Amino acid sequence: KKKASILLVDDTPANILALRAVLDCPHYDLVEAKTGFEALRWCEEREFALIVLDVKMPGMDGFETARRIKENTKNTDIPIIFVTATYR
């Protein structure tokens, strides 16, 4: 049976590590991207069941990344979960 692919997008390695710890499961194929641009490239190459996307990233933030991902009609139904490590 084919594994569901989940794209994890975050520029902070510790956050990717935390997401991997929570989502690591034999049923998922976890793919990492460190930038919005890298996430866009992955979305051109593969199909994802879910995208977990950091809000604050340099270059292109999570909201712009999501908008650009959804511009491609093959990605319109992919759920996106926004995450942020910002705290006060």
N, C-alpha and C. Protein backbone atom coordinates (compact mmCIF):
# COMPACT_ATOMS: atom_id res chain seq x y z
N LYS A 1 0.84 -1.19 0.00
CA LYS A 1 0.00 0.00 0.00
C LYS A 1 0.88 1.24 0.00
N LYS A 2 0.48 2.24 -0.78
CA LYS A 2 1.25 3.47 -0.90
C LYS A 2 1.07 4.33 0.34
N LYS A 3 2.20 4.88 0.83
CA LYS A 3 2.17 5.76 2.00
C LYS A 3 1.64 7.13 1.60
N ALA A 4 0.95 7.78 2.54
CA ALA A 4 0.53 9.17 2.34
C ALA A 4 1.75 10.07 2.55
N SER A 5 1.94 11.03 1.67
CA SER A 5 3.06 11.96 1.79
C SER A 5 2.61 13.23 2.49
N ILE A 6 3.42 13.66 3.46
CA ILE A 6 3.15 14.90 4.19
C ILE A 6 4.36 15.80 4.01
N LEU A 7 4.11 17.05 3.58
CA LEU A 7 5.17 18.02 3.39
C LEU A 7 5.28 18.89 4.64
N LEU A 8 6.48 18.89 5.25
CA LEU A 8 6.76 19.71 6.41
C LEU A 8 7.62 20.88 5.96
N VAL A 9 7.13 22.11 6.17
CA VAL A 9 7.84 23.30 5.69
C VAL A 9 8.16 24.20 6.88
N ASP A 10 9.45 24.33 7.18
CA ASP A 10 9.88 25.18 8.29
C ASP A 10 11.36 25.49 8.11
N ASP A 11 11.74 26.72 8.38
CA ASP A 11 13.14 27.12 8.21
C ASP A 11 13.98 26.82 9.46
N THR A 12 13.35 26.38 10.54
CA THR A 12 14.07 26.10 11.78
C THR A 12 14.22 24.59 11.97
N PRO A 13 15.44 24.08 11.93
CA PRO A 13 15.64 22.63 12.05
C PRO A 13 15.00 22.01 13.29
N ALA A 14 15.03 22.70 14.43
CA ALA A 14 14.43 22.16 15.66
C ALA A 14 12.92 21.97 15.49
N ASN A 15 12.28 22.86 14.74
CA ASN A 15 10.84 22.73 14.51
C ASN A 15 10.53 21.54 13.61
N ILE A 16 11.35 21.34 12.59
CA ILE A 16 11.18 20.16 11.72
C ILE A 16 11.35 18.89 12.54
N LEU A 17 12.34 18.88 13.42
CA LEU A 17 12.58 17.73 14.28
C LEU A 17 11.36 17.45 15.16
N ALA A 18 10.78 18.50 15.72
CA ALA A 18 9.59 18.34 16.57
C ALA A 18 8.40 17.81 15.76
N LEU A 19 8.21 18.34 14.55
CA LEU A 19 7.11 17.86 13.70
C LEU A 19 7.32 16.40 13.32
N ARG A 20 8.56 16.04 13.02
CA ARG A 20 8.87 14.64 12.69
C ARG A 20 8.57 13.72 13.88
N ALA A 21 8.90 14.18 15.08
CA ALA A 21 8.65 13.37 16.28
C ALA A 21 7.16 13.11 16.49
N VAL A 22 6.35 14.11 16.19
CA VAL A 22 4.90 13.98 16.36
C VAL A 22 4.27 13.15 15.25
N LEU A 23 4.74 13.34 14.03
CA LEU A 23 4.08 12.73 12.86
C LEU A 23 4.73 11.44 12.38
N ASP A 24 5.87 11.07 12.93
CA ASP A 24 6.58 9.89 12.46
C ASP A 24 5.72 8.64 12.65
N CYS A 25 5.46 7.98 11.54
CA CYS A 25 4.58 6.81 11.54
C CYS A 25 4.88 6.01 10.28
N PRO A 26 4.78 4.69 10.34
CA PRO A 26 5.06 3.89 9.14
C PRO A 26 4.10 4.16 7.98
N HIS A 27 2.98 4.79 8.24
CA HIS A 27 1.97 5.04 7.20
C HIS A 27 2.22 6.35 6.44
N TYR A 28 3.15 7.17 6.91
CA TYR A 28 3.42 8.46 6.29
C TYR A 28 4.82 8.52 5.72
N ASP A 29 4.96 9.22 4.62
CA ASP A 29 6.25 9.57 4.06
C ASP A 29 6.42 11.06 4.32
N LEU A 30 7.32 11.43 5.24
CA LEU A 30 7.52 12.83 5.60
C LEU A 30 8.60 13.44 4.72
N VAL A 31 8.26 14.55 4.08
CA VAL A 31 9.17 15.26 3.18
C VAL A 31 9.40 16.64 3.78
N GLU A 32 10.65 17.09 3.78
CA GLU A 32 11.01 18.37 4.39
C GLU A 32 11.34 19.43 3.35
N ALA A 33 10.92 20.67 3.66
CA ALA A 33 11.33 21.83 2.87
C ALA A 33 11.70 22.93 3.86
N LYS A 34 12.80 23.64 3.58
CA LYS A 34 13.28 24.69 4.48
C LYS A 34 12.81 26.08 4.09
N THR A 35 12.26 26.21 2.87
CA THR A 35 11.78 27.52 2.39
C THR A 35 10.48 27.33 1.63
N GLY A 36 9.78 28.44 1.44
CA GLY A 36 8.58 28.40 0.62
C GLY A 36 8.89 28.00 -0.81
N PHE A 37 10.02 28.48 -1.32
CA PHE A 37 10.41 28.15 -2.69
C PHE A 37 10.66 26.65 -2.84
N GLU A 38 11.31 26.06 -1.85
CA GLU A 38 11.55 24.62 -1.87
C GLU A 38 10.22 23.85 -1.79
N ALA A 39 9.30 24.35 -0.99
CA ALA A 39 7.97 23.72 -0.89
C ALA A 39 7.25 23.74 -2.24
N LEU A 40 7.35 24.86 -2.94
CA LEU A 40 6.73 24.96 -4.27
C LEU A 40 7.32 23.94 -5.23
N ARG A 41 8.65 23.76 -5.17
CA ARG A 41 9.30 22.77 -6.05
C ARG A 41 8.80 21.36 -5.72
N TRP A 42 8.71 21.04 -4.41
CA TRP A 42 8.21 19.71 -4.03
C TRP A 42 6.79 19.51 -4.54
N CYS A 43 5.96 20.53 -4.47
CA CYS A 43 4.56 20.39 -4.90
C CYS A 43 4.44 20.20 -6.40
N GLU A 44 5.45 20.61 -7.15
CA GLU A 44 5.47 20.35 -8.59
C GLU A 44 5.84 18.89 -8.87
N GLU A 45 6.68 18.32 -8.01
CA GLU A 45 7.22 16.98 -8.23
C GLU A 45 6.36 15.85 -7.67
N ARG A 46 5.65 16.12 -6.56
CA ARG A 46 4.95 15.05 -5.85
C ARG A 46 3.55 15.49 -5.45
N GLU A 47 2.76 14.49 -5.06
CA GLU A 47 1.43 14.76 -4.52
C GLU A 47 1.48 14.58 -3.01
N PHE A 48 0.82 15.47 -2.29
CA PHE A 48 0.82 15.42 -0.83
C PHE A 48 -0.60 15.30 -0.30
N ALA A 49 -0.74 14.53 0.78
CA ALA A 49 -2.03 14.40 1.46
C ALA A 49 -2.24 15.55 2.42
N LEU A 50 -1.14 16.17 2.87
CA LEU A 50 -1.20 17.24 3.86
C LEU A 50 0.07 18.05 3.78
N ILE A 51 -0.06 19.36 4.07
CA ILE A 51 1.10 20.24 4.17
C ILE A 51 1.04 20.91 5.54
N VAL A 52 2.15 20.81 6.29
CA VAL A 52 2.28 21.51 7.56
C VAL A 52 3.27 22.64 7.31
N LEU A 53 2.79 23.87 7.45
CA LEU A 53 3.51 25.03 6.92
C LEU A 53 3.75 26.09 7.98
N ASP A 54 5.01 26.43 8.19
CA ASP A 54 5.39 27.51 9.11
C ASP A 54 4.89 28.84 8.56
N VAL A 55 4.44 29.72 9.44
CA VAL A 55 3.96 31.03 9.02
C VAL A 55 5.12 31.98 8.76
N LYS A 56 6.06 32.05 9.70
CA LYS A 56 7.16 33.02 9.60
C LYS A 56 8.40 32.35 9.02
N MET A 57 8.70 32.72 7.77
CA MET A 57 9.91 32.22 7.11
C MET A 57 10.51 33.37 6.31
N PRO A 58 11.83 33.40 6.18
CA PRO A 58 12.45 34.45 5.37
C PRO A 58 12.17 34.24 3.88
N GLY A 59 12.16 35.31 3.14
CA GLY A 59 11.97 35.23 1.68
C GLY A 59 10.51 35.21 1.29
N MET A 60 9.81 34.17 1.68
CA MET A 60 8.39 34.04 1.36
C MET A 60 7.72 33.43 2.60
N ASP A 61 6.77 34.15 3.19
CA ASP A 61 6.14 33.62 4.40
C ASP A 61 5.16 32.49 4.06
N GLY A 62 4.63 31.86 5.09
CA GLY A 62 3.75 30.71 4.90
C GLY A 62 2.46 31.04 4.16
N PHE A 63 1.91 32.23 4.39
CA PHE A 63 0.66 32.60 3.73
C PHE A 63 0.87 32.76 2.22
N GLU A 64 1.97 33.40 1.84
CA GLU A 64 2.29 33.55 0.41
C GLU A 64 2.60 32.19 -0.20
N THR A 65 3.31 31.35 0.52
CA THR A 65 3.62 30.01 0.04
C THR A 65 2.34 29.24 -0.22
N ALA A 66 1.40 29.28 0.73
CA ALA A 66 0.13 28.58 0.58
C ALA A 66 -0.65 29.10 -0.62
N ARG A 67 -0.68 30.42 -0.77
CA ARG A 67 -1.40 31.01 -1.91
C ARG A 67 -0.83 30.51 -3.23
N ARG A 68 0.50 30.46 -3.31
CA ARG A 68 1.14 30.02 -4.55
C ARG A 68 0.97 28.52 -4.79
N ILE A 69 0.98 27.74 -3.72
CA ILE A 69 0.72 26.30 -3.85
C ILE A 69 -0.68 26.08 -4.40
N LYS A 70 -1.66 26.80 -3.86
CA LYS A 70 -3.06 26.62 -4.25
C LYS A 70 -3.37 27.16 -5.65
N GLU A 71 -2.48 27.99 -6.21
CA GLU A 71 -2.67 28.47 -7.58
C GLU A 71 -2.67 27.33 -8.58
N ASN A 72 -1.94 26.26 -8.27
CA ASN A 72 -1.90 25.08 -9.13
C ASN A 72 -3.15 24.23 -8.82
N THR A 73 -3.99 24.02 -9.81
CA THR A 73 -5.27 23.33 -9.57
C THR A 73 -5.10 21.91 -9.01
N LYS A 74 -3.96 21.27 -9.25
CA LYS A 74 -3.78 19.92 -8.69
C LYS A 74 -3.61 19.95 -7.17
N ASN A 75 -3.35 21.13 -6.62
CA ASN A 75 -3.12 21.27 -5.18
C ASN A 75 -4.29 21.88 -4.41
N THR A 76 -5.39 22.18 -5.08
CA THR A 76 -6.46 22.93 -4.41
C THR A 76 -7.10 22.17 -3.25
N ASP A 77 -7.09 20.86 -3.28
CA ASP A 77 -7.74 20.08 -2.23
C ASP A 77 -6.80 19.63 -1.11
N ILE A 78 -5.53 19.99 -1.19
CA ILE A 78 -4.58 19.59 -0.14
C ILE A 78 -4.83 20.45 1.10
N PRO A 79 -5.10 19.82 2.24
CA PRO A 79 -5.24 20.62 3.47
C PRO A 79 -3.88 21.17 3.89
N ILE A 80 -3.89 22.40 4.39
CA ILE A 80 -2.68 23.04 4.91
C ILE A 80 -2.92 23.40 6.36
N ILE A 81 -2.00 22.97 7.22
CA ILE A 81 -2.03 23.35 8.63
C ILE A 81 -0.90 24.36 8.84
N PHE A 82 -1.28 25.56 9.28
CA PHE A 82 -0.28 26.59 9.56
C PHE A 82 0.21 26.41 10.99
N VAL A 83 1.53 26.53 11.17
CA VAL A 83 2.12 26.45 12.51
C VAL A 83 3.07 27.64 12.68
N THR A 84 3.27 28.00 13.93
CA THR A 84 4.24 29.05 14.23
C THR A 84 4.85 28.76 15.60
N ALA A 85 6.11 29.11 15.74
CA ALA A 85 6.79 28.93 17.02
C ALA A 85 6.88 30.26 17.75
N THR A 86 6.18 31.28 17.25
CA THR A 86 6.23 32.61 17.86
C THR A 86 5.52 32.58 19.20
N TYR A 87 6.14 33.18 20.17
CA TYR A 87 5.54 33.31 21.50
C TYR A 87 5.95 34.64 22.09
N ARG A 88 5.21 35.05 23.10
CA ARG A 88 5.51 36.34 23.76
C ARG A 88 5.86 36.12 25.20
